[in-house]
Amino acid sequence: MIHTTAVVDSTAELAPDVEVGALAYIGPHCILHEKVKIGAKATVECYSEIGAGTCLSPNAHVGGAPQDISYKDEATRLKIGENCVIREFSTIHRASVKDDWLTEVGDNCYVMASAHIAHDCKVGNNVTLAGYSALSGHVRVDEHVFISGLVGIHQFVRIGVGAMVSAVSRTGKDVLPYCIALDDAIVSLNIVGMRRRGFSAQLRTEIKKAVHIFTNKSLLLTEVKEKLTELEQYPEIIIIRNFIENSKRGIIRNANWTSEE
């Protein structure tokens, strides 16, 4: 159902059961899949694809041009996955031309009110961005991450799988998987997140050992990598090892443990 006051560009492709609210705008070359809901006064600006079952709340704005002074109106894209919730006044921008011309948000993501995802970001499945949090350009957020309210993530930072960034925090380096970061320090493991995903006590213990090895700054990174191979090689330990190996910006190694299992 498309409200009579909504504007839908002639080049947009909408599944038959898409709902578009009053005064909403769907711009050129957009694709909206089955059961997408666009709230009143929401905007899908252009070159954007929205997956089945995703809901944009009133006044959400996605598909806008990147905030990049080198951008010259190229037909860069935005892709939002299935069953996402994009709440009021949140913004998600299309890519620049500096990477692969695509900003991407995975499935089952929850973007709370007034959060922002900038150009060229890659956001995995099952990610939550709380209100007023912001991802700068080229940020990568892996699956099952929780970014709390009023958090700012610096350009090109990567947030590892299962990690959490605490509220009112700024993050300028990569965050190790399964950890909780506050500013540029690791304050604990994301025990609640791991339990919710069914991680066994033995697996959580091995992850804790891995994080303690990494945050021991008396060890060189070459020594860290060697000691990590001595742990039980669960897939999650291999994820941590690969994360360390592939980091380009540098990873938070400061530790300020406030709780342990």
C-alpha atoms as a PDB file:
ATOM      1  CA  MET A   1       0.000   0.000   0.000  1.00  0.00           C
ATOM      2  CA  ILE A   2       1.409   3.373  -1.032  1.00  0.00           C
ATOM      3  CA  HIS A   3      -0.072   6.454   0.601  1.00  0.00           C
ATOM      4  CA  THR A   4      -1.474   8.989  -1.819  1.00  0.00           C
ATOM      5  CA  THR A   5       0.894  11.684  -0.558  1.00  0.00           C
ATOM      6  CA  ALA A   6       4.026   9.555  -0.930  1.00  0.00           C
ATOM      7  CA  VAL A   7       6.398  10.140  -3.855  1.00  0.00           C
ATOM      8  CA  VAL A   8       7.848   7.087  -5.624  1.00  0.00           C
ATOM      9  CA  ASP A   9      10.225   7.610  -8.539  1.00  0.00           C
ATOM     10  CA  SER A  10       9.299   5.851 -11.770  1.00  0.00           C
ATOM     11  CA  THR A  11      12.612   3.936 -11.804  1.00  0.00           C
ATOM     12  CA  ALA A  12      12.120   2.485  -8.310  1.00  0.00           C
ATOM     13  CA  GLU A  13      11.167  -1.200  -8.001  1.00  0.00           C
ATOM     14  CA  LEU A  14       8.762  -2.077  -5.183  1.00  0.00           C
ATOM     15  CA  ALA A  15       7.431  -5.522  -4.312  1.00  0.00           C
ATOM     16  CA  PRO A  16       3.616  -5.659  -4.403  1.00  0.00           C
ATOM     17  CA  ASP A  17       3.248  -5.788  -0.609  1.00  0.00           C
ATOM     18  CA  VAL A  18       5.568  -2.886   0.246  1.00  0.00           C
ATOM     19  CA  GLU A  19       3.996  -0.236   2.504  1.00  0.00           C
ATOM     20  CA  VAL A  20       4.917   3.417   2.050  1.00  0.00           C
ATOM     21  CA  GLY A  21       3.575   5.964   4.541  1.00  0.00           C
ATOM     22  CA  ALA A  22       2.363   9.515   4.165  1.00  0.00           C
ATOM     23  CA  LEU A  23       4.804  12.027   2.670  1.00  0.00           C
ATOM     24  CA  ALA A  24       7.536   9.386   2.330  1.00  0.00           C
ATOM     25  CA  TYR A  25       9.949   9.543  -0.608  1.00  0.00           C
ATOM     26  CA  ILE A  26      11.408   6.652  -2.638  1.00  0.00           C
ATOM     27  CA  GLY A  27      13.978   7.953  -5.105  1.00  0.00           C
ATOM     28  CA  PRO A  28      15.563   6.796  -8.362  1.00  0.00           C
ATOM     29  CA  HIS A  29      16.881   3.273  -8.860  1.00  0.00           C
ATOM     30  CA  CYS A  30      15.796   1.958  -5.449  1.00  0.00           C
ATOM     31  CA  ILE A  31      14.735  -1.641  -4.879  1.00  0.00           C
ATOM     32  CA  LEU A  32      12.383  -2.519  -2.018  1.00  0.00           C
ATOM     33  CA  HIS A  33      11.770  -6.217  -1.433  1.00  0.00           C
ATOM     34  CA  GLU A  34       8.793  -8.039   0.071  1.00  0.00           C
ATOM     35  CA  LYS A  35       7.135  -6.726   3.241  1.00  0.00           C
ATOM     36  CA  VAL A  36       9.315  -3.635   3.508  1.00  0.00           C
ATOM     37  CA  LYS A  37       7.634  -0.839   5.476  1.00  0.00           C
ATOM     38  CA  ILE A  38       8.535   2.813   4.972  1.00  0.00           C
ATOM     39  CA  GLY A  39       7.161   5.128   7.662  1.00  0.00           C
ATOM     40  CA  ALA A  40       5.684   8.577   7.245  1.00  0.00           C
ATOM     41  CA  LYS A  41       8.143  11.191   5.978  1.00  0.00           C
ATOM     42  CA  ALA A  42      10.931   8.614   5.681  1.00  0.00           C
ATOM     43  CA  THR A  43      13.319   8.925   2.740  1.00  0.00           C
ATOM     44  CA  VAL A  44      15.072   6.321   0.600  1.00  0.00           C
ATOM     45  CA  GLU A  45      17.043   8.732  -1.517  1.00  0.00           C
ATOM     46  CA  CYS A  46      18.496   6.764  -4.463  1.00  0.00           C
ATOM     47  CA  TYR A  47      20.484   3.695  -5.561  1.00  0.00           C
ATOM     48  CA  SER A  48      19.419   1.816  -2.435  1.00  0.00           C
ATOM     49  CA  GLU A  49      18.267  -1.786  -1.973  1.00  0.00           C
ATOM     50  CA  ILE A  50      16.265  -2.742   1.109  1.00  0.00           C
ATOM     51  CA  GLY A  51      15.811  -6.392   2.029  1.00  0.00           C
ATOM     52  CA  ALA A  52      12.578  -8.205   2.818  1.00  0.00           C
ATOM     53  CA  GLY A  53      10.857  -7.387   6.091  1.00  0.00           C
ATOM     54  CA  THR A  54      12.940  -4.321   6.907  1.00  0.00           C
ATOM     55  CA  CYS A  55      11.157  -1.370   8.508  1.00  0.00           C
ATOM     56  CA  LEU A  56      12.084   2.313   8.314  1.00  0.00           C
ATOM     57  CA  SER A  57      10.450   4.374  11.036  1.00  0.00           C
ATOM     58  CA  PRO A  58       9.062   7.856  10.341  1.00  0.00           C
ATOM     59  CA  ASN A  59      11.723  10.411   9.384  1.00  0.00           C
ATOM     60  CA  ALA A  60      14.504   7.868   8.874  1.00  0.00           C
ATOM     61  CA  HIS A  61      16.765   8.845   5.971  1.00  0.00           C
ATOM     62  CA  VAL A  62      18.805   6.285   4.030  1.00  0.00           C
ATOM     63  CA  GLY A  63      20.609   6.342   0.717  1.00  0.00           C
ATOM     64  CA  GLY A  64      21.853   9.910   0.940  1.00  0.00           C
ATOM     65  CA  ALA A  65      25.116  11.005  -0.682  1.00  0.00           C
ATOM     66  CA  PRO A  66      28.321  10.353   1.281  1.00  0.00           C
ATOM     67  CA  GLN A  67      29.737  13.160   3.391  1.00  0.00           C
ATOM     68  CA  ASP A  68      32.968  13.087   1.407  1.00  0.00           C
ATOM     69  CA  ILE A  69      34.285  16.226  -0.299  1.00  0.00           C
ATOM     70  CA  SER A  70      35.762  14.158  -3.141  1.00  0.00           C
ATOM     71  CA  TYR A  71      32.351  12.718  -4.068  1.00  0.00           C
ATOM     72  CA  LYS A  72      31.101  13.938  -7.471  1.00  0.00           C
ATOM     73  CA  ASP A  73      27.558  12.517  -7.769  1.00  0.00           C
ATOM     74  CA  GLU A  74      28.658   9.031  -8.785  1.00  0.00           C
ATOM     75  CA  ALA A  75      26.045   6.268  -8.689  1.00  0.00           C
ATOM     76  CA  THR A  76      27.341   4.626  -5.524  1.00  0.00           C
ATOM     77  CA  ARG A  77      25.048   2.271  -3.627  1.00  0.00           C
ATOM     78  CA  LEU A  78      23.551   1.277  -0.297  1.00  0.00           C
ATOM     79  CA  LYS A  79      22.331  -2.214   0.547  1.00  0.00           C
ATOM     80  CA  ILE A  80      20.340  -2.955   3.710  1.00  0.00           C
ATOM     81  CA  GLY A  81      19.600  -6.581   4.559  1.00  0.00           C
ATOM     82  CA  GLU A  82      16.466  -8.384   5.670  1.00  0.00           C
ATOM     83  CA  ASN A  83      14.416  -7.844   8.831  1.00  0.00           C
ATOM     84  CA  CYS A  84      16.255  -4.737   9.959  1.00  0.00           C
ATOM     85  CA  VAL A  85      14.730  -1.919  11.998  1.00  0.00           C
ATOM     86  CA  ILE A  86      15.874   1.614  11.182  1.00  0.00           C
ATOM     87  CA  ARG A  87      14.417   3.988  13.758  1.00  0.00           C
ATOM     88  CA  GLU A  88      13.466   7.666  13.702  1.00  0.00           C
ATOM     89  CA  PHE A  89      15.952  10.251  12.401  1.00  0.00           C
ATOM     90  CA  SER A  90      18.695   7.684  11.828  1.00  0.00           C
ATOM     91  CA  THR A  91      20.829   8.115   8.692  1.00  0.00           C
ATOM     92  CA  ILE A  92      22.679   5.640   6.482  1.00  0.00           C
ATOM     93  CA  HIS A  93      24.726   7.007   3.573  1.00  0.00           C
ATOM     94  CA  ARG A  94      25.717   5.523   0.264  1.00  0.00           C
ATOM     95  CA  ALA A  95      29.384   4.807  -0.456  1.00  0.00           C
ATOM     96  CA  SER A  96      32.120   6.990  -1.853  1.00  0.00           C
ATOM     97  CA  VAL A  97      34.150   5.737  -4.829  1.00  0.00           C
ATOM     98  CA  LYS A  98      37.204   4.887  -2.715  1.00  0.00           C
ATOM     99  CA  ASP A  99      36.402   1.219  -2.055  1.00  0.00           C
ATOM    100  CA  ASP A 100      33.789  -0.915  -3.791  1.00  0.00           C
ATOM    101  CA  TRP A 101      31.095   1.788  -4.158  1.00  0.00           C
ATOM    102  CA  LEU A 102      28.867   0.014  -1.604  1.00  0.00           C
ATOM    103  CA  THR A 103      27.753   0.757   1.950  1.00  0.00           C
ATOM    104  CA  GLU A 104      26.282  -2.447   3.365  1.00  0.00           C
ATOM    105  CA  VAL A 105      24.173  -3.346   6.407  1.00  0.00           C
ATOM    106  CA  GLY A 106      23.481  -7.031   7.119  1.00  0.00           C
ATOM    107  CA  ASP A 107      20.351  -8.875   8.217  1.00  0.00           C
ATOM    108  CA  ASN A 108      18.515  -8.475  11.543  1.00  0.00           C
ATOM    109  CA  CYS A 109      20.197  -5.205  12.474  1.00  0.00           C
ATOM    110  CA  TYR A 110      18.647  -2.652  14.818  1.00  0.00           C
ATOM    111  CA  VAL A 111      19.612   0.962  14.253  1.00  0.00           C
ATOM    112  CA  MET A 112      18.109   3.057  17.039  1.00  0.00           C
ATOM    113  CA  ALA A 113      16.907   6.655  16.840  1.00  0.00           C
ATOM    114  CA  SER A 114      19.368   9.249  15.524  1.00  0.00           C
ATOM    115  CA  ALA A 115      22.186   6.763  14.940  1.00  0.00           C
ATOM    116  CA  HIS A 116      24.414   7.231  11.896  1.00  0.00           C
ATOM    117  CA  ILE A 117      26.175   4.842   9.502  1.00  0.00           C
ATOM    118  CA  ALA A 118      28.546   6.681   7.168  1.00  0.00           C
ATOM    119  CA  HIS A 119      29.798   5.949   3.677  1.00  0.00           C
ATOM    120  CA  ASP A 120      31.610   2.713   2.837  1.00  0.00           C
ATOM    121  CA  CYS A 121      30.761   1.025   6.147  1.00  0.00           C
ATOM    122  CA  LYS A 122      30.294  -2.745   6.265  1.00  0.00           C
ATOM    123  CA  VAL A 123      27.955  -3.822   9.060  1.00  0.00           C
ATOM    124  CA  GLY A 124      27.436  -7.538   9.688  1.00  0.00           C
ATOM    125  CA  ASN A 125      24.319  -9.443  10.712  1.00  0.00           C
ATOM    126  CA  ASN A 126      22.652  -9.036  14.112  1.00  0.00           C
ATOM    127  CA  VAL A 127      24.296  -5.711  14.947  1.00  0.00           C
ATOM    128  CA  THR A 128      22.692  -3.112  17.223  1.00  0.00           C
ATOM    129  CA  LEU A 129      23.529   0.601  17.151  1.00  0.00           C
ATOM    130  CA  ALA A 130      21.975   2.434  20.086  1.00  0.00           C
ATOM    131  CA  GLY A 131      20.711   5.995  19.909  1.00  0.00           C
ATOM    132  CA  TYR A 132      23.100   8.762  18.819  1.00  0.00           C
ATOM    133  CA  SER A 133      25.921   6.355  18.073  1.00  0.00           C
ATOM    134  CA  ALA A 134      27.879   7.019  14.890  1.00  0.00           C
ATOM    135  CA  LEU A 135      30.090   5.031  12.553  1.00  0.00           C
ATOM    136  CA  SER A 136      32.518   7.155  10.559  1.00  0.00           C
ATOM    137  CA  GLY A 137      33.469   6.267   6.992  1.00  0.00           C
ATOM    138  CA  HIS A 138      34.949   2.888   6.096  1.00  0.00           C
ATOM    139  CA  VAL A 139      34.190   1.320   9.500  1.00  0.00           C
ATOM    140  CA  ARG A 140      33.706  -2.450   9.605  1.00  0.00           C
ATOM    141  CA  VAL A 141      31.424  -3.943  12.242  1.00  0.00           C
ATOM    142  CA  ASP A 142      31.376  -7.741  12.459  1.00  0.00           C
ATOM    143  CA  GLU A 143      28.385  -9.876  13.445  1.00  0.00           C
ATOM    144  CA  HIS A 144      26.663  -9.801  16.855  1.00  0.00           C
ATOM    145  CA  VAL A 145      28.163  -6.461  17.901  1.00  0.00           C
ATOM    146  CA  PHE A 146      26.421  -4.015  20.256  1.00  0.00           C
ATOM    147  CA  ILE A 147      27.381  -0.350  20.007  1.00  0.00           C
ATOM    148  CA  SER A 148      25.957   1.620  22.904  1.00  0.00           C
ATOM    149  CA  GLY A 149      24.499   5.119  22.907  1.00  0.00           C
ATOM    150  CA  LEU A 150      26.593   8.232  22.226  1.00  0.00           C
ATOM    151  CA  VAL A 151      29.515   6.209  20.865  1.00  0.00           C
ATOM    152  CA  GLY A 152      31.776   7.534  18.116  1.00  0.00           C
ATOM    153  CA  ILE A 153      33.793   5.104  15.985  1.00  0.00           C
ATOM    154  CA  HIS A 154      36.767   6.533  14.068  1.00  0.00           C
ATOM    155  CA  GLN A 155      37.260   5.998  10.336  1.00  0.00           C
ATOM    156  CA  PHE A 156      38.611   2.606   9.238  1.00  0.00           C
ATOM    157  CA  VAL A 157      38.171   1.008  12.681  1.00  0.00           C
ATOM    158  CA  ARG A 158      36.998  -2.589  12.874  1.00  0.00           C
ATOM    159  CA  ILE A 159      34.805  -3.918  15.688  1.00  0.00           C
ATOM    160  CA  GLY A 160      35.294  -7.669  16.086  1.00  0.00           C
ATOM    161  CA  VAL A 161      32.550 -10.282  16.212  1.00  0.00           C
ATOM    162  CA  GLY A 162      30.611 -10.422  19.468  1.00  0.00           C
ATOM    163  CA  ALA A 163      32.180  -7.253  20.866  1.00  0.00           C
ATOM    164  CA  MET A 164      30.476  -4.377  22.647  1.00  0.00           C
ATOM    165  CA  VAL A 165      31.425  -0.703  22.871  1.00  0.00           C
ATOM    166  CA  SER A 166      30.294   0.973  26.095  1.00  0.00           C
ATOM    167  CA  ALA A 167      28.187   4.126  26.153  1.00  0.00           C
ATOM    168  CA  VAL A 168      29.581   7.662  25.827  1.00  0.00           C
ATOM    169  CA  SER A 169      32.804   6.323  24.391  1.00  0.00           C
ATOM    170  CA  ARG A 170      35.133   7.062  21.484  1.00  0.00           C
ATOM    171  CA  THR A 171      36.980   4.293  19.736  1.00  0.00           C
ATOM    172  CA  GLY A 172      40.035   4.999  17.608  1.00  0.00           C
ATOM    173  CA  LYS A 173      41.472   1.501  17.254  1.00  0.00           C
ATOM    174  CA  ASP A 174      40.115  -1.940  16.423  1.00  0.00           C
ATOM    175  CA  VAL A 175      38.192  -3.770  19.164  1.00  0.00           C
ATOM    176  CA  LEU A 176      39.105  -7.421  19.728  1.00  0.00           C
ATOM    177  CA  PRO A 177      36.281  -9.959  19.253  1.00  0.00           C
ATOM    178  CA  TYR A 178      34.167 -10.900  22.304  1.00  0.00           C
ATOM    179  CA  CYS A 179      35.407  -7.933  24.377  1.00  0.00           C
ATOM    180  CA  ILE A 180      33.811  -4.840  25.886  1.00  0.00           C
ATOM    181  CA  ALA A 181      35.657  -1.604  25.136  1.00  0.00           C
ATOM    182  CA  LEU A 182      35.367   1.771  26.837  1.00  0.00           C
ATOM    183  CA  ASP A 183      37.239   4.503  25.006  1.00  0.00           C
ATOM    184  CA  ASP A 184      40.598   2.905  24.157  1.00  0.00           C
ATOM    185  CA  ALA A 185      40.650   0.214  26.840  1.00  0.00           C
ATOM    186  CA  ILE A 186      39.264  -3.305  27.201  1.00  0.00           C
ATOM    187  CA  VAL A 187      37.244  -3.378  30.417  1.00  0.00           C
ATOM    188  CA  SER A 188      35.907  -6.954  30.350  1.00  0.00           C
ATOM    189  CA  LEU A 189      34.753  -9.810  28.183  1.00  0.00           C
ATOM    190  CA  ASN A 190      31.269  -9.696  26.692  1.00  0.00           C
ATOM    191  CA  ILE A 191      30.140 -12.558  28.907  1.00  0.00           C
ATOM    192  CA  VAL A 192      26.426 -11.811  28.542  1.00  0.00           C
ATOM    193  CA  GLY A 193      26.687 -11.791  24.768  1.00  0.00           C
ATOM    194  CA  MET A 194      28.600 -15.076  24.722  1.00  0.00           C
ATOM    195  CA  ARG A 195      26.137 -16.762  27.053  1.00  0.00           C
ATOM    196  CA  ARG A 196      23.209 -15.618  24.938  1.00  0.00           C
ATOM    197  CA  ARG A 197      24.865 -17.237  21.938  1.00  0.00           C
ATOM    198  CA  GLY A 198      25.350 -20.505  23.806  1.00  0.00           C
ATOM    199  CA  PHE A 199      29.115 -20.421  24.346  1.00  0.00           C
ATOM    200  CA  SER A 200      30.164 -23.126  26.802  1.00  0.00           C
ATOM    201  CA  ALA A 201      32.028 -22.298  30.006  1.00  0.00           C
ATOM    202  CA  GLN A 202      35.124 -24.023  28.616  1.00  0.00           C
ATOM    203  CA  LEU A 203      35.022 -21.940  25.438  1.00  0.00           C
ATOM    204  CA  ARG A 204      34.551 -18.720  27.429  1.00  0.00           C
ATOM    205  CA  THR A 205      37.565 -19.654  29.554  1.00  0.00           C
ATOM    206  CA  GLU A 206      39.746 -20.131  26.463  1.00  0.00           C
ATOM    207  CA  ILE A 207      38.594 -16.799  25.044  1.00  0.00           C
ATOM    208  CA  LYS A 208      39.436 -15.139  28.381  1.00  0.00           C
ATOM    209  CA  LYS A 209      42.922 -16.679  28.234  1.00  0.00           C
ATOM    210  CA  ALA A 210      43.361 -15.370  24.693  1.00  0.00           C
ATOM    211  CA  VAL A 211      42.333 -11.853  25.649  1.00  0.00           C
ATOM    212  CA  HIS A 212      44.626 -11.828  28.681  1.00  0.00           C
ATOM    213  CA  ILE A 213      47.513 -12.942  26.486  1.00  0.00           C
ATOM    214  CA  PHE A 214      46.797 -10.187  23.978  1.00  0.00           C
ATOM    215  CA  THR A 215      46.417  -7.424  26.571  1.00  0.00           C
ATOM    216  CA  ASN A 216      49.670  -8.385  28.310  1.00  0.00           C
ATOM    217  CA  LYS A 217      51.755  -5.553  26.891  1.00  0.00           C
ATOM    218  CA  SER A 218      54.969  -7.106  28.171  1.00  0.00           C
ATOM    219  CA  LEU A 219      54.622  -9.524  25.250  1.00  0.00           C
ATOM    220  CA  LEU A 220      55.590  -8.651  21.702  1.00  0.00           C
ATOM    221  CA  LEU A 221      52.907  -9.323  19.118  1.00  0.00           C
ATOM    222  CA  THR A 222      55.030 -12.155  17.737  1.00  0.00           C
ATOM    223  CA  GLU A 223      54.991 -13.725  21.210  1.00  0.00           C
ATOM    224  CA  VAL A 224      51.240 -13.145  21.506  1.00  0.00           C
ATOM    225  CA  LYS A 225      50.625 -14.975  18.242  1.00  0.00           C
ATOM    226  CA  GLU A 226      52.766 -17.895  19.385  1.00  0.00           C
ATOM    227  CA  LYS A 227      51.039 -18.193  22.753  1.00  0.00           C
ATOM    228  CA  LEU A 228      47.603 -18.112  21.119  1.00  0.00           C
ATOM    229  CA  THR A 229      48.522 -21.224  19.141  1.00  0.00           C
ATOM    230  CA  GLU A 230      49.026 -23.037  22.484  1.00  0.00           C
ATOM    231  CA  LEU A 231      45.338 -22.625  23.406  1.00  0.00           C
ATOM    232  CA  GLU A 232      42.565 -25.012  22.443  1.00  0.00           C
ATOM    233  CA  GLN A 233      41.945 -24.060  18.820  1.00  0.00           C
ATOM    234  CA  TYR A 234      38.222 -23.444  18.878  1.00  0.00           C
ATOM    235  CA  PRO A 235      36.920 -21.573  15.821  1.00  0.00           C
ATOM    236  CA  GLU A 236      36.525 -18.517  18.052  1.00  0.00           C
ATOM    237  CA  ILE A 237      40.213 -18.612  19.013  1.00  0.00           C
ATOM    238  CA  ILE A 238      41.116 -18.783  15.336  1.00  0.00           C
ATOM    239  CA  ILE A 239      38.844 -15.760  14.743  1.00  0.00           C
ATOM    240  CA  ILE A 240      40.825 -13.848  17.377  1.00  0.00           C
ATOM    241  CA  ARG A 241      44.140 -14.907  15.843  1.00  0.00           C
ATOM    242  CA  ASN A 242      43.038 -13.874  12.356  1.00  0.00           C
ATOM    243  CA  PHE A 243      41.687 -10.574  13.671  1.00  0.00           C
ATOM    244  CA  ILE A 244      45.069  -9.741  15.190  1.00  0.00           C
ATOM    245  CA  GLU A 245      46.887 -10.807  12.032  1.00  0.00           C
ATOM    246  CA  ASN A 246      44.687  -8.739   9.714  1.00  0.00           C
ATOM    247  CA  SER A 247      44.306  -5.520  11.701  1.00  0.00           C
ATOM    248  CA  LYS A 248      45.383  -2.477   9.714  1.00  0.00           C
ATOM    249  CA  ARG A 249      44.658   0.321  12.167  1.00  0.00           C
ATOM    250  CA  GLY A 250      45.976  -1.338  15.325  1.00  0.00           C
ATOM    251  CA  ILE A 251      44.027  -3.014  18.120  1.00  0.00           C
ATOM    252  CA  ILE A 252      43.240  -1.756  21.609  1.00  0.00           C
ATOM    253  CA  ARG A 253      45.669  -3.494  24.005  1.00  0.00           C
ATOM    254  CA  ASN A 254      45.080  -1.390  27.105  1.00  0.00           C
ATOM    255  CA  ALA A 255      43.269  -3.408  29.766  1.00  0.00           C
ATOM    256  CA  ASN A 256      41.156  -2.062  32.599  1.00  0.00           C
ATOM    257  CA  TRP A 257      39.350  -5.137  33.841  1.00  0.00           C
ATOM    258  CA  THR A 258      36.323  -4.267  35.937  1.00  0.00           C
ATOM    259  CA  SER A 259      34.797  -7.740  35.965  1.00  0.00           C
ATOM    260  CA  GLU A 260      35.760 -11.264  35.114  1.00  0.00           C
ATOM    261  CA  GLU A 261      33.809 -14.512  34.939  1.00  0.00           C
END
